[in-house]
PDB file of N, CA and C in Angstrom:
ATOM      1  N   MET A   1     157.147  97.302 167.104  1.00  0.00           N
ATOM      2  CA  MET A   1     156.120  98.090 166.435  1.00  0.00           C
ATOM      3  C   MET A   1     155.022  97.206 165.851  1.00  0.00           C
ATOM      4  N   ASP A   2     155.406  96.048 165.282  1.00  0.00           N
ATOM      5  CA  ASP A   2     154.398  95.159 164.712  1.00  0.00           C
ATOM      6  C   ASP A   2     153.389  94.719 165.770  1.00  0.00           C
ATOM      7  N   ASN A   3     153.870  94.454 166.961  1.00  0.00           N
ATOM      8  CA  ASN A   3     152.988  94.034 168.041  1.00  0.00           C
ATOM      9  C   ASN A   3     152.036  95.164 168.431  1.00  0.00           C
ATOM     10  N   PHE A   4     152.491  96.407 168.429  1.00  0.00           N
ATOM     11  CA  PHE A   4     151.654  97.559 168.778  1.00  0.00           C
ATOM     12  C   PHE A   4     150.495  97.726 167.789  1.00  0.00           C
ATOM     13  N   PHE A   5     150.773  97.607 166.494  1.00  0.00           N
ATOM     14  CA  PHE A   5     149.756  97.829 165.476  1.00  0.00           C
ATOM     15  C   PHE A   5     148.885  96.601 165.212  1.00  0.00           C
ATOM     16  N   ARG A   6     149.115  95.525 165.927  1.00  0.00           N
ATOM     17  CA  ARG A   6     148.321  94.318 165.752  1.00  0.00           C
ATOM     18  C   ARG A   6     146.886  94.514 166.270  1.00  0.00           C
ATOM     19  N   TYR A   7     146.691  95.413 167.230  1.00  0.00           N
ATOM     20  CA  TYR A   7     145.393  95.611 167.869  1.00  0.00           C
ATOM     21  C   TYR A   7     144.904  97.037 167.640  1.00  0.00           C
ATOM     22  N   GLU A   8     143.572  97.189 167.735  1.00  0.00           N
ATOM     23  CA  GLU A   8     142.992  98.533 167.654  1.00  0.00           C
ATOM     24  C   GLU A   8     143.522  99.367 168.807  1.00  0.00           C
ATOM     25  N   ASN A   9     143.892 100.583 168.553  1.00  0.00           N
ATOM     26  CA  ASN A   9     144.420 101.437 169.615  1.00  0.00           C
ATOM     27  C   ASN A   9     143.649 102.756 169.712  1.00  0.00           C
ATOM     28  N   GLN A  10     142.437 102.769 169.157  1.00  0.00           N
ATOM     29  CA  GLN A  10     141.605 103.963 169.228  1.00  0.00           C
ATOM     30  C   GLN A  10     140.232 103.569 169.757  1.00  0.00           C
ATOM     31  N   HIS A  11     139.552 104.528 170.398  1.00  0.00           N
ATOM     32  CA  HIS A  11     138.218 104.274 170.942  1.00  0.00           C
ATOM     33  C   HIS A  11     137.241 103.894 169.831  1.00  0.00           C
ATOM     34  N   ILE A  12     137.274 104.629 168.728  1.00  0.00           N
ATOM     35  CA  ILE A  12     136.425 104.335 167.568  1.00  0.00           C
ATOM     36  C   ILE A  12     137.357 104.032 166.404  1.00  0.00           C
ATOM     37  N   PRO A  13     137.333 102.802 165.883  1.00  0.00           N
ATOM     38  CA  PRO A  13     138.252 102.431 164.801  1.00  0.00           C
ATOM     39  C   PRO A  13     138.058 103.298 163.559  1.00  0.00           C
ATOM     40  N   PRO A  14     139.131 103.662 162.864  1.00  0.00           N
ATOM     41  CA  PRO A  14     139.040 104.499 161.666  1.00  0.00           C
ATOM     42  C   PRO A  14     138.219 103.855 160.547  1.00  0.00           C
ATOM     43  N   SER A  15     138.125 102.540 160.536  1.00  0.00           N
ATOM     44  CA  SER A  15     137.374 101.862 159.469  1.00  0.00           C
ATOM     45  C   SER A  15     135.883 102.152 159.534  1.00  0.00           C
ATOM     46  N   ILE A  16     135.369 102.548 160.704  1.00  0.00           N
ATOM     47  CA  ILE A  16     133.940 102.832 160.820  1.00  0.00           C
ATOM     48  C   ILE A  16     133.673 104.268 161.269  1.00  0.00           C
ATOM     49  N   SER A  17     134.686 105.143 161.134  1.00  0.00           N
ATOM     50  CA  SER A  17     134.487 106.513 161.576  1.00  0.00           C
ATOM     51  C   SER A  17     135.204 107.503 160.655  1.00  0.00           C
ATOM     52  N   ASN A  18     134.842 108.748 160.829  1.00  0.00           N
ATOM     53  CA  ASN A  18     135.469 109.843 160.103  1.00  0.00           C
ATOM     54  C   ASN A  18     135.933 110.850 161.147  1.00  0.00           C
ATOM     55  N   GLU A  19     137.216 110.823 161.468  1.00  0.00           N
ATOM     56  CA  GLU A  19     137.805 111.697 162.483  1.00  0.00           C
ATOM     57  C   GLU A  19     137.047 111.632 163.812  1.00  0.00           C
ATOM     58  N   GLY A  20     136.708 110.411 164.243  1.00  0.00           N
ATOM     59  CA  GLY A  20     136.048 110.227 165.531  1.00  0.00           C
ATOM     60  C   GLY A  20     134.539 110.193 165.488  1.00  0.00           C
ATOM     61  N   ASP A  21     133.912 110.572 164.375  1.00  0.00           N
ATOM     62  CA  ASP A  21     132.458 110.496 164.238  1.00  0.00           C
ATOM     63  C   ASP A  21     132.109 109.232 163.473  1.00  0.00           C
ATOM     64  N   LEU A  22     131.234 108.393 164.070  1.00  0.00           N
ATOM     65  CA  LEU A  22     130.848 107.147 163.414  1.00  0.00           C
ATOM     66  C   LEU A  22     130.102 107.417 162.114  1.00  0.00           C
ATOM     67  N   TYR A  23     130.346 106.576 161.117  1.00  0.00           N
ATOM     68  CA  TYR A  23     129.543 106.631 159.905  1.00  0.00           C
ATOM     69  C   TYR A  23     128.148 106.136 160.253  1.00  0.00           C
ATOM     70  N   LEU A  24     127.129 106.860 159.852  1.00  0.00           N
ATOM     71  CA  LEU A  24     125.757 106.460 160.130  1.00  0.00           C
ATOM     72  C   LEU A  24     125.175 105.776 158.897  1.00  0.00           C
ATOM     73  N   THR A  25     124.423 104.730 159.134  1.00  0.00           N
ATOM     74  CA  THR A  25     123.788 103.987 158.053  1.00  0.00           C
ATOM     75  C   THR A  25     122.545 103.306 158.595  1.00  0.00           C
ATOM     76  N   THR A  26     121.823 102.686 157.725  1.00  0.00           N
ATOM     77  CA  THR A  26     120.688 101.876 158.140  1.00  0.00           C
ATOM     78  C   THR A  26     120.939 100.451 157.690  1.00  0.00           C
ATOM     79  N   LYS A  27     120.275  99.518 158.337  1.00  0.00           N
ATOM     80  CA  LYS A  27     120.444  98.110 157.981  1.00  0.00           C
ATOM     81  C   LYS A  27     120.039  97.871 156.527  1.00  0.00           C
ATOM     82  N   ALA A  28     119.047  98.606 156.066  1.00  0.00           N
ATOM     83  CA  ALA A  28     118.565  98.410 154.701  1.00  0.00           C
ATOM     84  C   ALA A  28     119.645  98.727 153.665  1.00  0.00           C
ATOM     85  N   ASP A  29     120.572  99.622 154.005  1.00  0.00           N
ATOM     86  CA  ASP A  29     121.657  99.956 153.076  1.00  0.00           C
ATOM     87  C   ASP A  29     122.563  98.766 152.801  1.00  0.00           C
ATOM     88  N   MET A  30     122.598  97.819 153.713  1.00  0.00           N
ATOM     89  CA  MET A  30     123.495  96.678 153.576  1.00  0.00           C
ATOM     90  C   MET A  30     122.866  95.506 152.818  1.00  0.00           C
ATOM     91  N   ILE A  31     121.566  95.545 152.572  1.00  0.00           N
ATOM     92  CA  ILE A  31     120.887  94.399 151.959  1.00  0.00           C
ATOM     93  C   ILE A  31     121.450  94.069 150.590  1.00  0.00           C
ATOM     94  N   ASP A  32     121.613  95.058 149.729  1.00  0.00           N
ATOM     95  CA  ASP A  32     122.129  94.796 148.378  1.00  0.00           C
ATOM     96  C   ASP A  32     123.505  94.153 148.425  1.00  0.00           C
ATOM     97  N   VAL A  33     124.356  94.637 149.299  1.00  0.00           N
ATOM     98  CA  VAL A  33     125.706  94.095 149.420  1.00  0.00           C
ATOM     99  C   VAL A  33     125.654  92.647 149.900  1.00  0.00           C
ATOM    100  N   LEU A  34     124.844  92.391 150.915  1.00  0.00           N
ATOM    101  CA  LEU A  34     124.762  91.036 151.463  1.00  0.00           C
ATOM    102  C   LEU A  34     124.115  90.051 150.489  1.00  0.00           C
ATOM    103  N   GLU A  35     123.099  90.496 149.747  1.00  0.00           N
ATOM    104  CA  GLU A  35     122.433  89.602 148.806  1.00  0.00           C
ATOM    105  C   GLU A  35     123.375  89.139 147.701  1.00  0.00           C
ATOM    106  N   GLU A  36     124.330  89.960 147.318  1.00  0.00           N
ATOM    107  CA  GLU A  36     125.313  89.561 146.309  1.00  0.00           C
ATOM    108  C   GLU A  36     126.219  88.446 146.819  1.00  0.00           C
ATOM    109  N   LYS A  37     126.449  88.407 148.123  1.00  0.00           N
ATOM    110  CA  LYS A  37     127.399  87.478 148.712  1.00  0.00           C
ATOM    111  C   LYS A  37     126.776  86.149 149.155  1.00  0.00           C
ATOM    112  N   VAL A  38     125.446  86.097 149.274  1.00  0.00           N
ATOM    113  CA  VAL A  38     124.797  84.929 149.862  1.00  0.00           C
ATOM    114  C   VAL A  38     123.960  84.204 148.817  1.00  0.00           C
ATOM    115  N   GLN A  39     124.124  82.897 148.780  1.00  0.00           N
ATOM    116  CA  GLN A  39     123.288  82.054 147.925  1.00  0.00           C
ATOM    117  C   GLN A  39     122.069  81.623 148.736  1.00  0.00           C
ATOM    118  N   THR A  40     120.894  81.804 148.182  1.00  0.00           N
ATOM    119  CA  THR A  40     119.685  81.363 148.877  1.00  0.00           C
ATOM    120  C   THR A  40     119.029  80.260 148.064  1.00  0.00           C
ATOM    121  N   SER A  41     118.386  79.381 148.762  1.00  0.00           N
ATOM    122  CA  SER A  41     117.665  78.309 148.081  1.00  0.00           C
ATOM    123  C   SER A  41     116.170  78.539 148.257  1.00  0.00           C
ATOM    124  N   ILE A  42     115.434  78.166 147.254  1.00  0.00           N
ATOM    125  CA  ILE A  42     113.988  78.331 147.317  1.00  0.00           C
ATOM    126  C   ILE A  42     113.385  76.993 147.727  1.00  0.00           C
ATOM    127  N   CYS A  43     113.293  76.811 149.020  1.00  0.00           N
ATOM    128  CA  CYS A  43     112.668  75.601 149.544  1.00  0.00           C
ATOM    129  C   CYS A  43     111.975  75.965 150.847  1.00  0.00           C
ATOM    130  N   LYS A  44     110.926  75.247 151.133  1.00  0.00           N
ATOM    131  CA  LYS A  44     110.189  75.514 152.356  1.00  0.00           C
ATOM    132  C   LYS A  44     110.777  74.693 153.485  1.00  0.00           C
ATOM    133  N   HIS A  45     111.050  75.357 154.559  1.00  0.00           N
ATOM    134  CA  HIS A  45     111.534  74.672 155.751  1.00  0.00           C
ATOM    135  C   HIS A  45     110.342  74.439 156.670  1.00  0.00           C
ATOM    136  N   GLN A  46     110.266  73.277 157.210  1.00  0.00           N
ATOM    137  CA  GLN A  46     109.193  72.955 158.136  1.00  0.00           C
ATOM    138  C   GLN A  46     109.634  73.320 159.545  1.00  0.00           C
ATOM    139  N   THR A  47     108.887  74.178 160.196  1.00  0.00           N
ATOM    140  CA  THR A  47     109.208  74.580 161.560  1.00  0.00           C
ATOM    141  C   THR A  47     107.959  74.515 162.420  1.00  0.00           C
ATOM    142  N   ASP A  48     108.170  74.288 163.699  1.00  0.00           N
ATOM    143  CA  ASP A  48     107.060  74.271 164.651  1.00  0.00           C
ATOM    144  C   ASP A  48     106.870  75.628 165.305  1.00  0.00           C
ATOM    145  N   SER A  49     107.957  76.399 165.397  1.00  0.00           N
ATOM    146  CA  SER A  49     107.934  77.667 166.123  1.00  0.00           C
ATOM    147  C   SER A  49     108.401  78.810 165.232  1.00  0.00           C
ATOM    148  N   LEU A  50     107.930  79.989 165.567  1.00  0.00           N
ATOM    149  CA  LEU A  50     108.327  81.189 164.836  1.00  0.00           C
ATOM    150  C   LEU A  50     108.516  82.314 165.839  1.00  0.00           C
ATOM    151  N   ILE A  51     109.626  83.021 165.729  1.00  0.00           N
ATOM    152  CA  ILE A  51     109.883  84.201 166.564  1.00  0.00           C
ATOM    153  C   ILE A  51     109.864  85.411 165.642  1.00  0.00           C
ATOM    154  N   ILE A  52     109.015  86.360 165.955  1.00  0.00           N
ATOM    155  CA  ILE A  52     108.824  87.545 165.113  1.00  0.00           C
ATOM    156  C   ILE A  52     109.436  88.757 165.804  1.00  0.00           C
ATOM    157  N   ASP A  53     110.186  89.542 165.049  1.00  0.00           N
ATOM    158  CA  ASP A  53     110.678  90.828 165.532  1.00  0.00           C
ATOM    159  C   ASP A  53     109.496  91.795 165.434  1.00  0.00           C
ATOM    160  N   GLY A  54     108.880  92.098 166.577  1.00  0.00           N
ATOM    161  CA  GLY A  54     107.663  92.905 166.605  1.00  0.00           C
ATOM    162  C   GLY A  54     107.825  94.267 165.965  1.00  0.00           C
ATOM    163  N   SER A  55     108.941  94.941 166.220  1.00  0.00           N
ATOM    164  CA  SER A  55     109.168  96.267 165.636  1.00  0.00           C
ATOM    165  C   SER A  55     109.237  96.187 164.119  1.00  0.00           C
ATOM    166  N   LEU A  56     109.930  95.181 163.617  1.00  0.00           N
ATOM    167  CA  LEU A  56     110.029  95.005 162.173  1.00  0.00           C
ATOM    168  C   LEU A  56     108.650  94.748 161.561  1.00  0.00           C
ATOM    169  N   LEU A  57     107.841  93.925 162.232  1.00  0.00           N
ATOM    170  CA  LEU A  57     106.503  93.639 161.722  1.00  0.00           C
ATOM    171  C   LEU A  57     105.653  94.905 161.683  1.00  0.00           C
ATOM    172  N   VAL A  58     105.733  95.715 162.727  1.00  0.00           N
ATOM    173  CA  VAL A  58     104.960  96.969 162.756  1.00  0.00           C
ATOM    174  C   VAL A  58     105.337  97.855 161.576  1.00  0.00           C
ATOM    175  N   TYR A  59     106.639  97.984 161.302  1.00  0.00           N
ATOM    176  CA  TYR A  59     107.083  98.845 160.208  1.00  0.00           C
ATOM    177  C   TYR A  59     106.795  98.248 158.828  1.00  0.00           C
ATOM    178  N   SER A  60     106.663  96.938 158.752  1.00  0.00           N
ATOM    179  CA  SER A  60     106.447  96.310 157.443  1.00  0.00           C
ATOM    180  C   SER A  60     104.979  96.274 157.041  1.00  0.00           C
ATOM    181  N   LEU A  61     104.080  96.373 157.999  1.00  0.00           N
ATOM    182  CA  LEU A  61     102.651  96.336 157.692  1.00  0.00           C
ATOM    183  C   LEU A  61     102.147  97.739 157.377  1.00  0.00           C
ATOM    184  N   HIS A  62     101.386  97.842 156.340  1.00  0.00           N
ATOM    185  CA  HIS A  62     100.841  99.143 155.946  1.00  0.00           C
ATOM    186  C   HIS A  62      99.483  99.323 156.609  1.00  0.00           C
ATOM    187  N   PRO A  63      99.338 100.355 157.443  1.00  0.00           N
ATOM    188  CA  PRO A  63      98.072 100.527 158.152  1.00  0.00           C
ATOM    189  C   PRO A  63      96.929 100.899 157.216  1.00  0.00           C
ATOM    190  N   THR A  64      95.827 100.186 157.382  1.00  0.00           N
ATOM    191  CA  THR A  64      94.613 100.512 156.631  1.00  0.00           C
ATOM    192  C   THR A  64      93.594 101.141 157.573  1.00  0.00           C
ATOM    193  N   GLU A  65      93.974 101.273 158.824  1.00  0.00           N
ATOM    194  CA  GLU A  65      93.107 101.849 159.852  1.00  0.00           C
ATOM    195  C   GLU A  65      93.720 103.170 160.326  1.00  0.00           C
ATOM    196  N   THR A  66      92.902 104.033 160.892  1.00  0.00           N
ATOM    197  CA  THR A  66      93.415 105.303 161.403  1.00  0.00           C
ATOM    198  C   THR A  66      93.461 105.329 162.925  1.00  0.00           C
ATOM    199  N   ILE A  67      92.704 104.426 163.572  1.00  0.00           N
ATOM    200  CA  ILE A  67      92.673 104.342 165.035  1.00  0.00           C
ATOM    201  C   ILE A  67      93.556 103.180 165.471  1.00  0.00           C
ATOM    202  N   PHE A  68      94.307 103.372 166.556  1.00  0.00           N
ATOM    203  CA  PHE A  68      95.267 102.372 167.003  1.00  0.00           C
ATOM    204  C   PHE A  68      94.616 101.015 167.262  1.00  0.00           C
ATOM    205  N   GLU A  69      93.482 100.981 167.922  1.00  0.00           N
ATOM    206  CA  GLU A  69      92.812  99.707 168.239  1.00  0.00           C
ATOM    207  C   GLU A  69      92.431  98.958 166.962  1.00  0.00           C
ATOM    208  N   GLY A  70      91.970  99.686 165.952  1.00  0.00           N
ATOM    209  CA  GLY A  70      91.630  99.063 164.668  1.00  0.00           C
ATOM    210  C   GLY A  70      92.859  98.469 164.003  1.00  0.00           C
ATOM    211  N   TYR A  71      93.969  99.194 164.045  1.00  0.00           N
ATOM    212  CA  TYR A  71      95.221  98.679 163.474  1.00  0.00           C
ATOM    213  C   TYR A  71      95.677  97.439 164.225  1.00  0.00           C
ATOM    214  N   ALA A  72      95.635  97.513 165.563  1.00  0.00           N
ATOM    215  CA  ALA A  72      96.090  96.384 166.379  1.00  0.00           C
ATOM    216  C   ALA A  72      95.271  95.129 166.099  1.00  0.00           C
ATOM    217  N   ASN A  73      93.965  95.266 166.001  1.00  0.00           N
ATOM    218  CA  ASN A  73      93.093  94.100 165.805  1.00  0.00           C
ATOM    219  C   ASN A  73      92.991  93.646 164.351  1.00  0.00           C
ATOM    220  N   ASN A  74      92.861  94.578 163.438  1.00  0.00           N
ATOM    221  CA  ASN A  74      92.562  94.226 162.046  1.00  0.00           C
ATOM    222  C   ASN A  74      93.784  94.065 161.152  1.00  0.00           C
ATOM    223  N   VAL A  75      94.917  94.591 161.572  1.00  0.00           N
ATOM    224  CA  VAL A  75      96.118  94.493 160.749  1.00  0.00           C
ATOM    225  C   VAL A  75      97.183  93.653 161.458  1.00  0.00           C
ATOM    226  N   PHE A  76      97.616  94.120 162.623  1.00  0.00           N
ATOM    227  CA  PHE A  76      98.718  93.460 163.332  1.00  0.00           C
ATOM    228  C   PHE A  76      98.314  92.064 163.817  1.00  0.00           C
ATOM    229  N   ALA A  77      97.228  91.961 164.575  1.00  0.00           N
ATOM    230  CA  ALA A  77      96.797  90.663 165.109  1.00  0.00           C
ATOM    231  C   ALA A  77      96.404  89.704 163.993  1.00  0.00           C
ATOM    232  N   LYS A  78      95.848  90.241 162.930  1.00  0.00           N
ATOM    233  CA  LYS A  78      95.463  89.396 161.784  1.00  0.00           C
ATOM    234  C   LYS A  78      96.696  88.720 161.183  1.00  0.00           C
ATOM    235  N   LYS A  79      97.789  89.462 161.072  1.00  0.00           N
ATOM    236  CA  LYS A  79      99.028  88.903 160.536  1.00  0.00           C
ATOM    237  C   LYS A  79      99.597  87.834 161.477  1.00  0.00           C
ATOM    238  N   ILE A  80      99.549  88.095 162.777  1.00  0.00           N
ATOM    239  CA  ILE A  80     100.025  87.120 163.756  1.00  0.00           C
ATOM    240  C   ILE A  80      99.192  85.839 163.658  1.00  0.00           C
ATOM    241  N   LYS A  81      97.888  85.975 163.488  1.00  0.00           N
ATOM    242  CA  LYS A  81      97.008  84.799 163.362  1.00  0.00           C
ATOM    243  C   LYS A  81      97.326  84.000 162.105  1.00  0.00           C
ATOM    244  N   GLN A  82      97.706  84.677 161.029  1.00  0.00           N
ATOM    245  CA  GLN A  82      98.118  83.965 159.812  1.00  0.00           C
ATOM    246  C   GLN A  82      99.352  83.107 160.081  1.00  0.00           C
ATOM    247  N   TYR A  83     100.302  83.661 160.808  1.00  0.00           N
ATOM    248  CA  TYR A  83     101.497  82.896 161.166  1.00  0.00           C
ATOM    249  C   TYR A  83     101.130  81.727 162.083  1.00  0.00           C
ATOM    250  N   ALA A  84     100.187  81.948 162.990  1.00  0.00           N
ATOM    251  CA  ALA A  84      99.797  80.924 163.955  1.00  0.00           C
ATOM    252  C   ALA A  84      99.123  79.726 163.278  1.00  0.00           C
ATOM    253  N   GLN A  85      98.547  79.921 162.110  1.00  0.00           N
ATOM    254  CA  GLN A  85      97.934  78.806 161.382  1.00  0.00           C
ATOM    255  C   GLN A  85      98.987  77.861 160.816  1.00  0.00           C
ATOM    256  N   LYS A  86     100.206  78.368 160.589  1.00  0.00           N
ATOM    257  CA  LYS A  86     101.267  77.560 159.997  1.00  0.00           C
ATOM    258  C   LYS A  86     102.244  77.014 161.034  1.00  0.00           C
ATOM    259  N   HIS A  87     102.223  77.562 162.242  1.00  0.00           N
ATOM    260  CA  HIS A  87     103.178  77.170 163.285  1.00  0.00           C
ATOM    261  C   HIS A  87     102.441  76.844 164.575  1.00  0.00           C
ATOM    262  N   GLN A  88     103.002  75.929 165.329  1.00  0.00           N
ATOM    263  CA  GLN A  88     102.386  75.563 166.612  1.00  0.00           C
ATOM    264  C   GLN A  88     102.590  76.655 167.662  1.00  0.00           C
ATOM    265  N   ARG A  89     103.698  77.359 167.554  1.00  0.00           N
ATOM    266  CA  ARG A  89     103.999  78.417 168.526  1.00  0.00           C
ATOM    267  C   ARG A  89     104.516  79.644 167.792  1.00  0.00           C
ATOM    268  N   VAL A  90     103.991  80.814 168.145  1.00  0.00           N
ATOM    269  CA  VAL A  90     104.440  82.083 167.574  1.00  0.00           C
ATOM    270  C   VAL A  90     104.749  83.038 168.724  1.00  0.00           C
ATOM    271  N   ASP A  91     105.980  83.540 168.759  1.00  0.00           N
ATOM    272  CA  ASP A  91     106.388  84.522 169.761  1.00  0.00           C
ATOM    273  C   ASP A  91     106.663  85.838 169.060  1.00  0.00           C
ATOM    274  N   ASP A  92     106.057  86.892 169.564  1.00  0.00           N
ATOM    275  CA  ASP A  92     106.257  88.233 169.035  1.00  0.00           C
ATOM    276  C   ASP A  92     107.103  88.996 170.053  1.00  0.00           C
ATOM    277  N   VAL A  93     108.309  89.382 169.666  1.00  0.00           N
ATOM    278  CA  VAL A  93     109.264  89.968 170.597  1.00  0.00           C
ATOM    279  C   VAL A  93     109.518  91.430 170.245  1.00  0.00           C
ATOM    280  N   PHE A  94     109.427  92.287 171.246  1.00  0.00           N
ATOM    281  CA  PHE A  94     109.773  93.703 171.096  1.00  0.00           C
ATOM    282  C   PHE A  94     110.969  93.968 171.993  1.00  0.00           C
ATOM    283  N   ASP A  95     112.034  94.502 171.417  1.00  0.00           N
ATOM    284  CA  ASP A  95     113.237  94.794 172.187  1.00  0.00           C
ATOM    285  C   ASP A  95     113.114  96.136 172.883  1.00  0.00           C
ATOM    286  N   GLN A  96     113.772  96.226 174.030  1.00  0.00           N
ATOM    287  CA  GLN A  96     113.892  97.496 174.725  1.00  0.00           C
ATOM    288  C   GLN A  96     115.378  97.704 174.980  1.00  0.00           C
ATOM    289  N   TYR A  97     115.904  98.802 174.503  1.00  0.00           N
ATOM    290  CA  TYR A  97     117.323  99.063 174.633  1.00  0.00           C
ATOM    291  C   TYR A  97     117.594  99.942 175.843  1.00  0.00           C
ATOM    292  N   GLN A  98     118.415  99.426 176.752  1.00  0.00           N
ATOM    293  CA  GLN A  98     118.807 100.182 177.931  1.00  0.00           C
ATOM    294  C   GLN A  98     119.926 101.153 177.541  1.00  0.00           C
ATOM    295  N   TYR A  99     119.955 102.279 178.201  1.00  0.00           N
ATOM    296  CA  TYR A  99     120.979 103.281 177.899  1.00  0.00           C
ATOM    297  C   TYR A  99     122.348 102.776 178.324  1.00  0.00           C
ATOM    298  N   ASP A 100     123.282 102.818 177.418  1.00  0.00           N
ATOM    299  CA  ASP A 100     124.675 102.488 177.697  1.00  0.00           C
ATOM    300  C   ASP A 100     125.512 103.491 176.918  1.00  0.00           C
ATOM    301  N   PRO A 101     126.187 104.398 177.594  1.00  0.00           N
ATOM    302  CA  PRO A 101     126.915 105.462 176.885  1.00  0.00           C
ATOM    303  C   PRO A 101     127.988 104.940 175.927  1.00  0.00           C
ATOM    304  N   ALA A 102     128.428 103.698 176.082  1.00  0.00           N
ATOM    305  CA  ALA A 102     129.483 103.157 175.223  1.00  0.00           C
ATOM    306  C   ALA A 102     128.926 102.416 174.010  1.00  0.00           C
ATOM    307  N   SER A 103     127.601 102.296 173.894  1.00  0.00           N
ATOM    308  CA  SER A 103     127.042 101.506 172.795  1.00  0.00           C
ATOM    309  C   SER A 103     126.875 102.342 171.524  1.00  0.00           C
ATOM    310  N   LEU A 104     126.872 101.662 170.382  1.00  0.00           N
ATOM    311  CA  LEU A 104     126.660 102.344 169.101  1.00  0.00           C
ATOM    312  C   LEU A 104     125.259 102.926 169.017  1.00  0.00           C
ATOM    313  N   LYS A 105     124.275 102.247 169.604  1.00  0.00           N
ATOM    314  CA  LYS A 105     122.902 102.750 169.572  1.00  0.00           C
ATOM    315  C   LYS A 105     122.792 104.079 170.319  1.00  0.00           C
ATOM    316  N   SER A 106     123.462 104.178 171.447  1.00  0.00           N
ATOM    317  CA  SER A 106     123.423 105.438 172.206  1.00  0.00           C
ATOM    318  C   SER A 106     124.047 106.572 171.402  1.00  0.00           C
ATOM    319  N   TYR A 107     125.137 106.280 170.711  1.00  0.00           N
ATOM    320  CA  TYR A 107     125.791 107.293 169.888  1.00  0.00           C
ATOM    321  C   TYR A 107     124.843 107.757 168.777  1.00  0.00           C
ATOM    322  N   THR A 108     124.160 106.801 168.137  1.00  0.00           N
ATOM    323  CA  THR A 108     123.238 107.148 167.048  1.00  0.00           C
ATOM    324  C   THR A 108     122.078 107.978 167.566  1.00  0.00           C
ATOM    325  N   ARG A 109     121.514 107.592 168.717  1.00  0.00           N
ATOM    326  CA  ARG A 109     120.418 108.364 169.303  1.00  0.00           C
ATOM    327  C   ARG A 109     120.863 109.794 169.619  1.00  0.00           C
ATOM    328  N   GLU A 110     122.069 109.919 170.139  1.00  0.00           N
ATOM    329  CA  GLU A 110     122.608 111.232 170.485  1.00  0.00           C
ATOM    330  C   GLU A 110     122.729 112.111 169.247  1.00  0.00           C
ATOM    331  N   GLN A 111     123.145 111.528 168.123  1.00  0.00           N
ATOM    332  CA  GLN A 111     123.293 112.283 166.884  1.00  0.00           C
ATOM    333  C   GLN A 111     121.935 112.693 166.312  1.00  0.00           C
ATOM    334  N   ARG A 112     120.919 111.833 166.468  1.00  0.00           N
ATOM    335  CA  ARG A 112     119.582 112.133 165.939  1.00  0.00           C
ATOM    336  C   ARG A 112     118.864 113.199 166.751  1.00  0.00           C
ATOM    337  N   GLY A 113     119.108 113.202 168.048  1.00  0.00           N
ATOM    338  CA  GLY A 113     118.400 114.131 168.918  1.00  0.00           C
ATOM    339  C   GLY A 113     117.167 113.457 169.505  1.00  0.00           C
ATOM    340  N   VAL A 114     116.384 114.217 170.246  1.00  0.00           N
ATOM    341  CA  VAL A 114     115.211 113.682 170.920  1.00  0.00           C
ATOM    342  C   VAL A 114     113.983 113.939 170.060  1.00  0.00           C
ATOM    343  N   GLY A 115     113.190 112.906 169.877  1.00  0.00           N
ATOM    344  CA  GLY A 115     111.972 113.036 169.087  1.00  0.00           C
ATOM    345  C   GLY A 115     110.772 113.337 169.974  1.00  0.00           C
ATOM    346  N   VAL A 116     109.617 113.413 169.345  1.00  0.00           N
ATOM    347  CA  VAL A 116     108.381 113.674 170.061  1.00  0.00           C
ATOM    348  C   VAL A 116     107.878 112.371 170.668  1.00  0.00           C
ATOM    349  N   ARG A 117     107.525 112.408 171.933  1.00  0.00           N
ATOM    350  CA  ARG A 117     106.958 111.231 172.587  1.00  0.00           C
ATOM    351  C   ARG A 117     105.439 111.336 172.520  1.00  0.00           C
ATOM    352  N   ARG A 118     104.798 110.195 172.234  1.00  0.00           N
ATOM    353  CA  ARG A 118     103.343 110.169 172.141  1.00  0.00           C
ATOM    354  C   ARG A 118     102.799 109.067 173.023  1.00  0.00           C
ATOM    355  N   LYS A 119     101.713 109.323 173.661  1.00  0.00           N
ATOM    356  CA  LYS A 119     101.042 108.292 174.437  1.00  0.00           C
ATOM    357  C   LYS A 119     100.040 107.602 173.520  1.00  0.00           C
ATOM    358  N   VAL A 120     100.142 106.287 173.456  1.00  0.00           N
ATOM    359  CA  VAL A 120      99.276 105.519 172.579  1.00  0.00           C
ATOM    360  C   VAL A 120      98.125 104.967 173.398  1.00  0.00           C
ATOM    361  N   SER A 121      96.893 105.160 172.914  1.00  0.00           N
ATOM    362  CA  SER A 121      95.714 104.613 173.566  1.00  0.00           C
ATOM    363  C   SER A 121      94.868 103.914 172.507  1.00  0.00           C
ATOM    364  N   PRO A 122      94.001 103.001 172.915  1.00  0.00           N
ATOM    365  CA  PRO A 122      93.182 102.259 171.940  1.00  0.00           C
ATOM    366  C   PRO A 122      92.344 103.165 171.032  1.00  0.00           C
ATOM    367  N   THR A 123      91.849 104.272 171.573  1.00  0.00           N
ATOM    368  CA  THR A 123      90.983 105.132 170.758  1.00  0.00           C
ATOM    369  C   THR A 123      91.730 106.269 170.080  1.00  0.00           C
ATOM    370  N   GLY A 124      93.020 106.362 170.293  1.00  0.00           N
ATOM    371  CA  GLY A 124      93.822 107.432 169.680  1.00  0.00           C
ATOM    372  C   GLY A 124      94.175 107.140 168.243  1.00  0.00           C
ATOM    373  N   LYS A 125      94.535 108.185 167.522  1.00  0.00           N
ATOM    374  CA  LYS A 125      94.959 108.031 166.130  1.00  0.00           C
ATOM    375  C   LYS A 125      96.323 107.379 166.055  1.00  0.00           C
ATOM    376  N   LEU A 126      96.575 106.695 164.962  1.00  0.00           N
ATOM    377  CA  LEU A 126      97.892 106.102 164.752  1.00  0.00           C
ATOM    378  C   LEU A 126      98.928 107.197 164.632  1.00  0.00           C
ATOM    379  N   PRO A 127     100.091 107.015 165.272  1.00  0.00           N
ATOM    380  CA  PRO A 127     101.144 108.030 165.136  1.00  0.00           C
ATOM    381  C   PRO A 127     101.706 108.042 163.731  1.00  0.00           C
TER     382      PRO A 127
END
């Protein structure tokens, strides 16, 4: 019996689910917990390169423009240029998630439902 219970024997472990339904959360919910556990030092690290999570940057910048092209040039690109002044190389990466029915992301999308799709153009309003 000890050998049987040594490994997970359910599709979704009980520690992260409620009767088969995954607990839903956001990454931001974990920040307070993680900050209590991690010691940070206040020192500047010298780096030549910077990799930016493009989606995170988009959500962190507050738009001051109403047209997409204005936001892209005056807000988003301006921030990238600020980073480029401090680093020799700046890479802005946007992830694309492929559908995988066994992934946690697919389960979360399924629970949220389908949202409205919008076509973005330079002269269109910001979504």
